[in-house]
Amino acid sequence: MDYKAKLTAEMKRCMKAGEKSRLLVVRTLLAAIKQQEVDQQTTLNDEQILAVLDKASKQRKESIAQFEVAGRADLVENEASELAVIQEFMPQPLSDNEVAAMIEQAFSEVEPSGMQDMGKVMAVLKPLMQGRADMASVSKQIKAKLG
């Protein structure tokens, strides 16, 4: 899937339809991708773009949590709508069963002997799960399995 082309097409559609709030989110995502490309002096592939989308999604989730604690329902609603737009461009999230199966598969490939091999297991899983699962949660599951 060509994420950049999909985002660009959505930006054009939003401009024609006059959807200003959605357009702002799409432009923000495209700007973040462009910034990464300038910083790295390269064109990002879909995996790298997915990492940018995942980061934007995490930022919105963290903001929502902070605004809820502060009692700012107006800002929570704004961030939640932005998060919904971002998630439309991300792949389907993995179910708990799929995550567990992928962890089992990675363990059979790597055959870790202890916590020192956690990085090897994560290296196998990260490209497969990027943007589709919470990697912090996956890390905890791997630690529990190794420990």
Protein backbone atom coordinates (compact mmCIF):
# COMPACT_ATOMS: atom_id res chain seq x y z
CA MET A 1 0.00 0.00 0.00
CA ASP A 2 1.38 3.39 -0.96
CA TYR A 3 0.59 5.46 2.12
CA LYS A 4 1.99 8.69 0.74
CA ALA A 5 -0.11 8.50 -2.42
CA LYS A 6 -3.18 7.62 -0.37
CA LEU A 7 -2.63 10.62 1.93
CA THR A 8 -2.04 12.94 -1.03
CA ALA A 9 -5.23 11.75 -2.73
CA GLU A 10 -7.15 12.26 0.51
CA MET A 11 -5.72 15.77 0.84
CA LYS A 12 -6.98 16.65 -2.64
CA ARG A 13 -10.38 15.13 -1.89
CA CYS A 14 -10.67 17.13 1.36
CA MET A 15 -9.72 20.34 -0.42
CA LYS A 16 -12.43 19.79 -3.03
CA ALA A 17 -15.02 18.80 -0.42
CA GLY A 18 -14.14 21.66 1.93
CA GLU A 19 -13.45 19.40 4.91
CA LYS A 20 -11.12 21.77 6.73
CA SER A 21 -10.58 19.86 9.97
CA ARG A 22 -9.84 16.59 8.16
CA LEU A 23 -7.61 18.43 5.68
CA LEU A 24 -5.59 19.87 8.56
CA VAL A 25 -4.89 16.39 9.95
CA VAL A 26 -3.91 14.96 6.55
CA ARG A 27 -1.62 17.91 5.85
CA THR A 28 -0.04 17.50 9.28
CA LEU A 29 0.71 13.85 8.49
CA LEU A 30 2.16 14.72 5.09
CA ALA A 31 4.30 17.44 6.71
CA ALA A 32 5.63 14.96 9.28
CA ILE A 33 6.52 12.54 6.47
CA LYS A 34 8.19 15.31 4.47
CA GLN A 35 10.15 16.40 7.56
CA GLN A 36 11.48 12.86 8.02
CA GLU A 37 12.45 12.72 4.35
CA VAL A 38 14.33 16.02 4.62
CA ASP A 39 16.04 14.99 7.86
CA GLN A 40 17.11 11.63 6.44
CA GLN A 41 17.73 12.98 2.92
CA THR A 42 15.83 10.08 1.39
CA THR A 43 12.36 9.06 0.29
CA LEU A 44 10.54 7.09 2.97
CA ASN A 45 9.19 3.65 2.15
CA ASP A 46 5.80 2.43 3.38
CA GLU A 47 7.27 0.87 6.52
CA GLN A 48 8.91 4.16 7.51
CA ILE A 49 5.74 6.12 6.71
CA LEU A 50 3.78 3.68 8.85
CA ALA A 51 6.19 4.45 11.71
CA VAL A 52 5.43 8.17 11.28
CA LEU A 53 1.68 7.46 11.35
CA ASP A 54 2.13 5.25 14.41
CA LYS A 55 4.04 8.02 16.19
CA ALA A 56 1.31 10.56 15.37
CA SER A 57 -1.30 8.13 16.68
CA LYS A 58 0.61 7.62 19.93
CA GLN A 59 0.98 11.39 20.37
CA ARG A 60 -2.79 11.84 20.04
CA LYS A 61 -3.47 9.04 22.54
CA GLU A 62 -1.09 10.59 25.06
CA SER A 63 -2.68 14.01 24.57
CA ILE A 64 -6.15 12.56 25.09
CA ALA A 65 -5.04 10.98 28.37
CA GLN A 66 -3.50 14.25 29.59
CA PHE A 67 -6.52 16.34 28.57
CA GLU A 68 -8.88 13.92 30.32
CA VAL A 69 -6.89 14.30 33.55
CA ALA A 70 -7.05 18.08 33.14
CA GLY A 71 -10.80 17.94 32.51
CA ARG A 72 -10.57 19.52 29.05
CA ALA A 73 -13.39 17.73 27.20
CA ASP A 74 -13.16 20.16 24.26
CA LEU A 75 -9.53 19.26 23.62
CA VAL A 76 -10.20 15.55 24.18
CA GLU A 77 -12.87 15.67 21.47
CA ASN A 78 -10.51 17.44 19.05
CA GLU A 79 -7.66 14.98 19.63
CA ALA A 80 -10.04 12.01 19.36
CA SER A 81 -11.31 13.21 15.99
CA GLU A 82 -7.71 13.64 14.76
CA LEU A 83 -6.86 10.15 16.04
CA ALA A 84 -9.82 8.70 14.13
CA VAL A 85 -8.56 10.26 10.89
CA ILE A 86 -5.03 8.95 11.46
CA GLN A 87 -6.27 5.44 12.21
CA GLU A 88 -8.14 5.35 8.90
CA PHE A 89 -4.77 5.28 7.13
CA MET A 90 -3.23 2.63 9.36
CA PRO A 91 -3.58 -1.11 8.77
CA GLN A 92 -6.09 -3.20 10.71
CA PRO A 93 -4.91 -3.78 14.29
CA LEU A 94 -3.92 -7.30 15.25
CA SER A 95 -6.12 -9.27 17.61
CA ASP A 96 -4.69 -10.61 20.88
CA ASN A 97 -4.68 -14.11 19.40
CA GLU A 98 -2.79 -12.94 16.31
CA VAL A 99 -0.22 -11.16 18.48
CA ALA A 100 0.25 -14.28 20.63
CA ALA A 101 0.65 -16.45 17.51
CA MET A 102 3.23 -14.06 16.05
CA ILE A 103 5.17 -14.06 19.32
CA GLU A 104 5.16 -17.88 19.31
CA GLN A 105 6.40 -17.87 15.70
CA ALA A 106 9.20 -15.43 16.57
CA PHE A 107 10.20 -17.57 19.54
CA SER A 108 10.43 -20.64 17.31
CA GLU A 109 12.58 -18.72 14.81
CA VAL A 110 14.94 -17.08 17.32
CA GLU A 111 14.91 -19.73 20.07
CA PRO A 112 15.83 -17.25 22.83
CA SER A 113 17.75 -18.54 25.82
CA GLY A 114 16.97 -15.63 28.13
CA MET A 115 16.35 -11.91 28.50
CA GLN A 116 19.54 -11.11 26.56
CA ASP A 117 17.79 -12.39 23.41
CA MET A 118 14.76 -10.09 23.77
CA GLY A 119 16.17 -7.70 21.16
CA LYS A 120 16.40 -10.52 18.64
CA VAL A 121 12.75 -11.44 19.19
CA MET A 122 11.66 -7.79 18.93
CA ALA A 123 13.71 -7.37 15.74
CA VAL A 124 11.70 -10.19 14.14
CA LEU A 125 8.35 -8.87 15.35
CA LYS A 126 8.64 -5.11 14.87
CA PRO A 127 8.48 -5.04 11.06
CA LEU A 128 5.48 -7.37 11.11
CA MET A 129 3.57 -5.54 13.84
CA GLN A 130 4.49 -1.88 13.23
CA GLY A 131 1.33 0.18 13.43
CA ARG A 132 -0.83 -2.89 13.99
CA ALA A 133 -0.06 -3.61 17.65
CA ASP A 134 1.07 -1.71 20.73
CA MET A 135 4.77 -2.58 20.84
CA ALA A 136 4.98 -1.75 24.57
CA SER A 137 2.34 -4.39 25.24
CA VAL A 138 4.13 -6.85 22.96
CA SER A 139 7.38 -6.15 24.83
CA LYS A 140 5.69 -6.92 28.16
CA GLN A 141 4.34 -10.20 26.78
CA ILE A 142 7.81 -11.18 25.55
CA LYS A 143 9.39 -10.30 28.91
CA ALA A 144 6.80 -12.41 30.71
CA LYS A 145 7.47 -15.31 28.37
CA LEU A 146 11.24 -14.99 28.77
CA GLY A 147 11.13 -14.44 32.53
